[in-house]
Amino acid sequence: MNRSFPFRKVYGAAAVIAVITLYGLLSALFGDGLWDELSWIALAIPLAVIAWKCNRPLRKE
């Protein structure tokens, strides 16, 4: 693999968000009570990241 392609830097954040989303979906499906609340929090995290990224000003290069 080419060393100039930093796999973690490119896909690391997306992989973490995918794992958090998967946890949220599975806890909502299989859990009840506290698990429902944890799933709401886990599923809100990707939405918060999207809102944060969309509201950032564009960088001028």
Foldseek 3Di string as FASTA:
>chain_A
DDPVDDPCVVCVVVVVLVVLQVQLVVLCVPHDDVSPVSSVVSNVVVVVVVVVVVPDDDDDD
